[in-house]
N, C-alpha and C. Protein backbone atom coordinates (compact mmCIF):
# COMPACT_ATOMS: atom_id res chain seq x y z
N MET A 1 15.51 -29.70 -29.98
CA MET A 1 14.60 -30.98 -29.88
C MET A 1 14.67 -32.42 -29.63
N ASP A 2 16.08 -32.56 -29.95
CA ASP A 2 16.84 -34.04 -29.43
C ASP A 2 17.07 -34.17 -28.03
N PHE A 3 17.26 -35.03 -27.79
CA PHE A 3 17.90 -35.18 -26.04
C PHE A 3 19.38 -35.94 -26.42
N PRO A 4 20.21 -35.50 -25.40
CA PRO A 4 21.56 -36.12 -25.51
C PRO A 4 21.52 -37.55 -25.55
N SER A 5 22.73 -38.23 -26.57
CA SER A 5 22.74 -39.53 -26.56
C SER A 5 23.23 -40.21 -25.49
N LYS A 6 23.87 -40.01 -23.88
CA LYS A 6 24.37 -40.34 -23.12
C LYS A 6 23.15 -40.66 -22.19
N ALA A 7 21.90 -39.57 -22.10
CA ALA A 7 20.57 -39.86 -21.73
C ALA A 7 19.74 -40.64 -22.73
N LYS A 8 19.85 -40.86 -23.61
CA LYS A 8 19.21 -41.96 -24.13
C LYS A 8 19.58 -43.23 -24.15
N SER A 9 20.33 -43.39 -24.19
CA SER A 9 21.01 -44.76 -23.63
C SER A 9 20.92 -44.96 -22.63
N TYR A 10 21.25 -44.06 -21.50
CA TYR A 10 20.94 -44.64 -20.25
C TYR A 10 19.55 -44.99 -20.09
N VAL A 11 18.33 -44.23 -20.49
CA VAL A 11 17.09 -44.46 -20.54
C VAL A 11 16.63 -45.73 -20.71
N ILE A 12 17.15 -45.99 -22.35
CA ILE A 12 16.78 -47.14 -22.79
C ILE A 12 17.16 -48.40 -21.93
N ASP A 13 18.46 -48.19 -21.66
CA ASP A 13 18.92 -49.35 -20.64
C ASP A 13 18.16 -49.18 -19.50
N PHE A 14 17.87 -48.14 -18.87
CA PHE A 14 16.95 -48.66 -17.54
C PHE A 14 15.53 -49.26 -17.73
N GLN A 15 14.85 -48.68 -18.92
CA GLN A 15 13.82 -49.51 -19.08
C GLN A 15 14.16 -50.84 -19.58
N GLU A 16 14.82 -51.46 -19.75
CA GLU A 16 15.49 -52.75 -20.34
C GLU A 16 14.69 -53.17 -21.63
N ASN A 17 15.22 -52.16 -22.44
CA ASN A 17 14.76 -51.95 -23.71
C ASN A 17 13.36 -52.77 -24.18
N ARG A 18 12.44 -52.30 -23.16
CA ARG A 18 11.07 -52.18 -23.44
C ARG A 18 10.57 -50.82 -23.62
N CYS A 19 9.17 -50.84 -24.54
CA CYS A 19 8.44 -49.53 -24.34
C CYS A 19 7.90 -48.98 -23.37
N TYR A 20 7.86 -48.14 -23.05
CA TYR A 20 7.86 -47.42 -21.30
C TYR A 20 5.94 -47.43 -21.21
N TYR A 21 5.19 -47.66 -22.44
CA TYR A 21 3.70 -47.91 -22.13
C TYR A 21 3.36 -49.21 -22.55
N CYS A 22 3.60 -49.76 -23.84
CA CYS A 22 3.13 -51.35 -23.69
C CYS A 22 4.00 -52.22 -23.31
N GLU A 23 5.16 -51.90 -22.79
CA GLU A 23 6.42 -53.03 -22.74
C GLU A 23 6.63 -53.70 -23.68
N ARG A 24 6.77 -53.38 -24.81
CA ARG A 24 7.14 -54.46 -26.22
C ARG A 24 8.49 -54.36 -26.17
N VAL A 25 9.23 -55.36 -26.33
CA VAL A 25 10.55 -55.16 -26.43
C VAL A 25 11.24 -54.50 -27.45
N LEU A 26 12.07 -53.31 -27.33
CA LEU A 26 12.54 -52.56 -28.44
C LEU A 26 13.36 -53.36 -28.96
N ASP A 27 13.64 -53.94 -29.79
CA ASP A 27 14.84 -54.61 -30.43
C ASP A 27 15.11 -54.46 -31.86
N GLY A 28 14.29 -53.68 -32.44
CA GLY A 28 14.18 -52.93 -34.12
C GLY A 28 14.23 -54.56 -34.80
N SER A 29 13.47 -55.53 -34.58
CA SER A 29 13.37 -56.86 -35.57
C SER A 29 12.23 -56.08 -36.40
N SER A 30 11.60 -55.37 -36.32
CA SER A 30 10.02 -55.16 -37.04
C SER A 30 10.02 -53.66 -36.74
N SER A 31 9.16 -52.96 -37.51
CA SER A 31 9.10 -51.66 -37.35
C SER A 31 8.16 -51.21 -36.15
N LYS A 32 7.34 -51.89 -35.74
CA LYS A 32 6.87 -51.82 -34.46
C LYS A 32 7.50 -52.13 -33.23
N SER A 33 8.79 -52.49 -33.27
CA SER A 33 9.48 -52.62 -32.13
C SER A 33 10.83 -51.71 -32.35
N GLN A 34 10.80 -50.39 -33.01
CA GLN A 34 11.62 -49.73 -33.02
C GLN A 34 11.77 -48.98 -32.39
N PRO A 35 13.09 -48.57 -31.30
CA PRO A 35 12.81 -47.73 -30.19
C PRO A 35 12.60 -46.39 -30.87
N ARG A 36 11.59 -45.57 -29.98
CA ARG A 36 11.35 -44.10 -30.43
C ARG A 36 11.84 -43.09 -29.21
N ALA A 37 12.48 -42.49 -28.98
CA ALA A 37 12.72 -41.26 -28.04
C ALA A 37 11.77 -40.57 -27.76
N ASP A 38 10.85 -40.27 -26.62
CA ASP A 38 9.59 -39.73 -26.48
C ASP A 38 9.61 -38.85 -25.39
N HIS A 39 9.09 -37.41 -25.73
CA HIS A 39 9.02 -36.54 -24.65
C HIS A 39 7.78 -36.82 -24.04
N PHE A 40 7.81 -37.49 -22.62
CA PHE A 40 6.68 -37.62 -22.08
C PHE A 40 5.39 -36.69 -22.17
N ILE A 41 5.97 -35.47 -21.69
CA ILE A 41 4.81 -34.06 -21.80
C ILE A 41 5.47 -34.04 -23.04
N PRO A 42 4.40 -33.77 -23.90
CA PRO A 42 4.85 -33.74 -25.77
C PRO A 42 5.51 -32.23 -25.49
N TRP A 43 6.74 -32.19 -26.67
CA TRP A 43 7.60 -31.26 -27.27
C TRP A 43 6.66 -30.20 -27.34
N VAL A 44 5.81 -30.08 -27.97
CA VAL A 44 4.66 -28.78 -28.30
C VAL A 44 4.04 -28.21 -26.83
N PHE A 45 4.18 -28.58 -25.92
CA PHE A 45 4.19 -27.97 -24.64
C PHE A 45 5.10 -27.42 -24.15
N VAL A 46 6.23 -28.03 -23.36
CA VAL A 46 7.40 -27.98 -22.85
C VAL A 46 8.72 -27.49 -23.86
N LYS A 47 8.59 -27.58 -25.11
CA LYS A 47 9.80 -26.98 -25.89
C LYS A 47 11.15 -27.12 -25.51
N THR A 48 11.47 -28.02 -24.85
CA THR A 48 12.82 -28.79 -24.25
C THR A 48 12.76 -29.96 -24.01
N SER A 49 14.28 -30.77 -24.08
CA SER A 49 14.53 -31.86 -23.80
C SER A 49 15.09 -32.21 -22.86
N THR A 50 14.71 -32.71 -21.69
CA THR A 50 14.94 -32.73 -20.62
C THR A 50 15.14 -34.42 -20.04
N LEU A 51 16.01 -34.98 -19.21
CA LEU A 51 15.95 -36.11 -19.21
C LEU A 51 15.06 -36.58 -17.94
N GLU A 52 14.46 -36.14 -17.04
CA GLU A 52 13.07 -36.31 -16.42
C GLU A 52 11.76 -36.20 -17.18
N ASN A 53 11.63 -35.66 -18.74
CA ASN A 53 10.78 -35.90 -19.34
C ASN A 53 10.93 -37.08 -20.60
N LEU A 54 12.08 -37.80 -20.21
CA LEU A 54 12.74 -38.74 -21.31
C LEU A 54 12.06 -40.12 -21.35
N ILE A 55 11.46 -40.84 -22.02
CA ILE A 55 10.83 -42.19 -22.13
C ILE A 55 11.18 -42.67 -23.56
N TYR A 56 11.43 -43.76 -23.70
CA TYR A 56 11.18 -44.76 -25.05
C TYR A 56 10.19 -45.34 -24.77
N ALA A 57 9.67 -45.58 -26.05
CA ALA A 57 8.29 -45.81 -26.63
C ALA A 57 8.59 -46.82 -27.95
N CYS A 58 7.86 -47.62 -28.23
CA CYS A 58 7.72 -48.00 -29.49
C CYS A 58 6.99 -47.54 -30.51
N ASN A 59 7.63 -48.01 -31.83
CA ASN A 59 7.23 -47.14 -32.58
C ASN A 59 5.49 -46.92 -33.05
N ASP A 60 4.80 -48.05 -32.56
CA ASP A 60 3.53 -47.89 -32.50
C ASP A 60 2.90 -46.97 -31.33
N CYS A 61 3.60 -47.00 -30.32
CA CYS A 61 2.89 -46.29 -29.32
C CYS A 61 3.24 -44.74 -29.51
N ASN A 62 4.65 -44.62 -29.93
CA ASN A 62 5.09 -43.30 -30.01
C ASN A 62 4.25 -42.32 -31.31
N GLY A 63 3.73 -43.29 -32.25
CA GLY A 63 3.18 -42.65 -33.33
C GLY A 63 1.71 -42.48 -33.15
N THR A 64 1.09 -43.00 -32.01
CA THR A 64 -0.57 -42.76 -31.79
C THR A 64 -0.33 -41.82 -30.55
N LYS A 65 0.59 -41.49 -29.76
CA LYS A 65 0.38 -40.52 -28.75
C LYS A 65 0.34 -39.19 -29.15
N LEU A 66 1.44 -38.95 -30.25
CA LEU A 66 1.48 -37.86 -30.95
C LEU A 66 1.76 -36.65 -29.84
N HIS A 67 0.87 -35.50 -29.91
CA HIS A 67 0.71 -34.53 -29.01
C HIS A 67 -0.41 -34.42 -27.63
N ARG A 68 -0.58 -35.86 -27.54
CA ARG A 68 -1.62 -36.18 -26.30
C ARG A 68 -0.89 -36.71 -25.08
N LEU A 69 -1.17 -36.00 -23.83
CA LEU A 69 -0.77 -36.44 -22.56
C LEU A 69 -0.87 -37.76 -22.15
N PRO A 70 -0.22 -38.84 -21.49
CA PRO A 70 -0.74 -39.77 -21.35
C PRO A 70 -1.58 -40.12 -20.13
N LYS A 71 -2.12 -41.08 -20.05
CA LYS A 71 -3.07 -41.71 -18.60
C LYS A 71 -2.04 -41.04 -17.35
N LEU A 72 -2.97 -41.07 -16.26
CA LEU A 72 -2.30 -40.47 -15.07
C LEU A 72 -1.44 -41.96 -14.60
N VAL A 73 -1.80 -43.00 -14.88
CA VAL A 73 -1.14 -44.10 -14.57
C VAL A 73 0.53 -44.23 -14.82
N TYR A 74 0.82 -43.55 -16.14
CA TYR A 74 1.90 -43.20 -16.81
C TYR A 74 2.94 -42.15 -16.23
N PHE A 75 1.98 -41.15 -15.69
CA PHE A 75 3.01 -40.14 -15.02
C PHE A 75 3.33 -40.43 -13.76
N ASN A 76 2.30 -41.16 -12.98
CA ASN A 76 2.90 -41.62 -11.65
C ASN A 76 3.72 -42.80 -11.57
N LYS A 77 3.68 -43.35 -12.66
CA LYS A 77 5.19 -44.49 -13.19
C LYS A 77 6.32 -43.91 -13.41
N LEU A 78 6.24 -42.49 -14.34
CA LEU A 78 7.32 -41.44 -14.40
C LEU A 78 7.96 -40.85 -13.08
N LEU A 79 6.99 -40.60 -12.34
CA LEU A 79 7.29 -39.38 -11.18
C LEU A 79 8.17 -40.77 -10.08
N GLN A 80 7.68 -41.95 -9.94
CA GLN A 80 8.12 -42.61 -8.84
C GLN A 80 10.11 -43.06 -9.76
N ARG A 81 9.96 -43.00 -10.91
CA ARG A 81 11.10 -43.04 -11.85
C ARG A 81 11.92 -42.06 -11.20
N ASN A 82 11.39 -40.79 -11.24
CA ASN A 82 12.37 -39.54 -11.20
C ASN A 82 12.40 -39.33 -9.80
N ALA A 83 11.94 -40.06 -8.65
CA ALA A 83 12.11 -39.85 -7.22
C ALA A 83 13.76 -39.13 -7.28
N SER A 84 14.05 -38.24 -6.45
CA SER A 84 15.35 -37.96 -5.87
C SER A 84 15.95 -38.93 -5.23
N ASN A 85 15.49 -39.80 -4.58
CA ASN A 85 16.21 -41.17 -4.02
C ASN A 85 15.98 -42.45 -4.63
N GLY A 86 15.88 -42.38 -5.82
CA GLY A 86 15.56 -43.65 -6.67
C GLY A 86 16.77 -43.83 -7.69
N ASP A 87 16.42 -45.12 -8.08
CA ASP A 87 17.87 -45.84 -8.57
C ASP A 87 17.84 -45.33 -10.13
N PHE A 88 16.66 -44.73 -10.35
CA PHE A 88 17.23 -43.85 -11.99
C PHE A 88 18.08 -42.56 -11.76
N ILE A 89 17.78 -41.92 -10.55
CA ILE A 89 18.85 -40.61 -10.51
C ILE A 89 19.96 -41.04 -10.10
N LEU A 90 19.99 -42.03 -9.09
CA LEU A 90 21.11 -42.16 -8.46
C LEU A 90 22.80 -42.78 -9.15
N SER A 91 21.86 -43.46 -10.16
CA SER A 91 22.87 -44.59 -10.86
C SER A 91 23.36 -43.87 -12.03
N TYR A 92 22.62 -42.50 -12.34
CA TYR A 92 23.12 -41.66 -13.49
C TYR A 92 24.34 -41.48 -13.76
N PRO A 93 25.18 -41.64 -14.56
CA PRO A 93 26.36 -41.60 -14.63
C PRO A 93 27.37 -40.29 -14.15
N GLU A 94 26.35 -39.13 -14.20
CA GLU A 94 27.01 -37.69 -13.91
C GLU A 94 25.80 -37.13 -13.08
N GLN A 95 26.36 -36.52 -12.09
CA GLN A 95 25.45 -35.52 -11.10
C GLN A 95 24.51 -34.78 -12.10
N ILE A 96 23.27 -34.57 -11.31
CA ILE A 96 22.59 -33.57 -12.29
C ILE A 96 22.09 -32.26 -11.25
N PRO A 97 22.36 -31.07 -11.48
CA PRO A 97 22.51 -30.17 -10.70
C PRO A 97 20.70 -29.88 -10.47
N ASN A 98 20.31 -29.58 -9.18
CA ASN A 98 18.86 -29.17 -9.21
C ASN A 98 17.94 -30.01 -9.66
N TRP A 99 18.14 -31.54 -9.22
CA TRP A 99 17.13 -32.69 -9.65
C TRP A 99 15.98 -32.42 -9.19
N THR A 100 15.93 -32.32 -8.14
CA THR A 100 14.73 -31.93 -7.21
C THR A 100 13.70 -31.07 -7.67
N GLU A 101 14.49 -29.75 -7.91
CA GLU A 101 13.69 -28.54 -8.63
C GLU A 101 12.82 -28.95 -9.93
N ARG A 102 14.15 -29.71 -10.56
CA ARG A 102 13.90 -29.78 -12.25
C ARG A 102 12.50 -31.06 -12.06
N VAL A 103 12.26 -32.07 -11.51
CA VAL A 103 11.37 -32.73 -11.64
C VAL A 103 9.61 -31.95 -10.79
N GLU A 104 10.31 -31.19 -9.92
CA GLU A 104 8.95 -30.31 -9.12
C GLU A 104 8.35 -29.82 -10.40
N ARG A 105 9.39 -28.97 -11.30
CA ARG A 105 8.73 -28.08 -12.42
C ARG A 105 7.99 -28.97 -13.39
N TRP A 106 8.89 -29.94 -13.67
CA TRP A 106 8.32 -31.09 -14.45
C TRP A 106 6.69 -31.56 -14.05
N VAL A 107 6.43 -31.82 -12.91
CA VAL A 107 5.19 -32.18 -12.11
C VAL A 107 4.31 -31.22 -12.65
N LYS A 108 4.59 -29.61 -12.25
CA LYS A 108 3.90 -28.73 -12.83
C LYS A 108 3.46 -28.12 -14.21
N ASN A 109 4.35 -28.96 -14.96
CA ASN A 109 4.34 -28.87 -16.52
C ASN A 109 3.00 -29.90 -17.12
N TYR A 110 2.98 -31.26 -16.09
CA TYR A 110 2.25 -31.90 -16.23
C TYR A 110 1.00 -31.44 -16.03
N HIS A 111 0.40 -31.14 -15.16
CA HIS A 111 -0.92 -30.39 -14.39
C HIS A 111 -1.06 -29.25 -15.55
N GLN A 112 -0.15 -28.43 -15.84
CA GLN A 112 -0.26 -27.31 -16.99
C GLN A 112 -0.93 -27.97 -18.03
N ALA A 113 0.02 -28.67 -18.69
CA ALA A 113 -0.22 -29.74 -19.93
C ALA A 113 -1.66 -30.17 -20.09
N SER A 114 -2.03 -30.52 -18.78
CA SER A 114 -3.31 -31.44 -19.24
C SER A 114 -4.57 -30.48 -18.89
N GLU A 115 -4.35 -29.36 -18.77
CA GLU A 115 -5.63 -28.26 -19.01
C GLU A 115 -5.25 -27.74 -20.35
N GLN A 116 -4.33 -28.07 -21.18
CA GLN A 116 -4.28 -27.33 -22.23
C GLN A 116 -4.44 -28.76 -23.87
N LEU A 117 -3.92 -29.71 -23.47
CA LEU A 117 -3.57 -30.85 -24.30
C LEU A 117 -4.81 -31.89 -24.25
N SER A 118 -4.94 -32.55 -25.26
CA SER A 118 -5.83 -33.89 -24.88
C SER A 118 -5.29 -34.81 -23.91
N THR A 119 -6.25 -35.34 -22.98
CA THR A 119 -5.52 -36.31 -21.84
C THR A 119 -6.25 -37.78 -22.16
N GLY A 120 -5.26 -38.67 -21.52
CA GLY A 120 -5.94 -39.93 -21.10
C GLY A 120 -5.30 -40.85 -22.34
N TRP A 121 -4.16 -40.30 -23.02
CA TRP A 121 -3.79 -41.47 -24.08
C TRP A 121 -3.14 -42.49 -23.23
N GLY A 122 -3.61 -44.10 -23.83
CA GLY A 122 -3.17 -45.27 -23.69
C GLY A 122 -3.15 -45.69 -24.60
N PRO A 123 -2.18 -46.73 -24.81
CA PRO A 123 -1.95 -48.01 -25.94
C PRO A 123 -3.04 -48.76 -25.76
């Protein structure tokens, strides 16, 4: 259920140590600012930990999101991050095979999850 440490380190740096949802600084100075690795599409639906689905959230956002699907605005933001010609994947320290296909599958998973899970979560 956990993400590889290389992926976690890369993602939190790419997010500039800010919560993906509310943009709170994730410096660990309080319980609210503790960084939490989060499955954007909840793990209960995808049952896998993949880079395209990994974001970092503050303790508050992660704790209130739980098994809900975030608002479409957050999906679109992550879809843009995951673009095959974007800085996120082009700067990743190693090549990831089948990235485009993985992102396409992730998009399908999001739409399937939206039919089964509570949707529209936001901070």
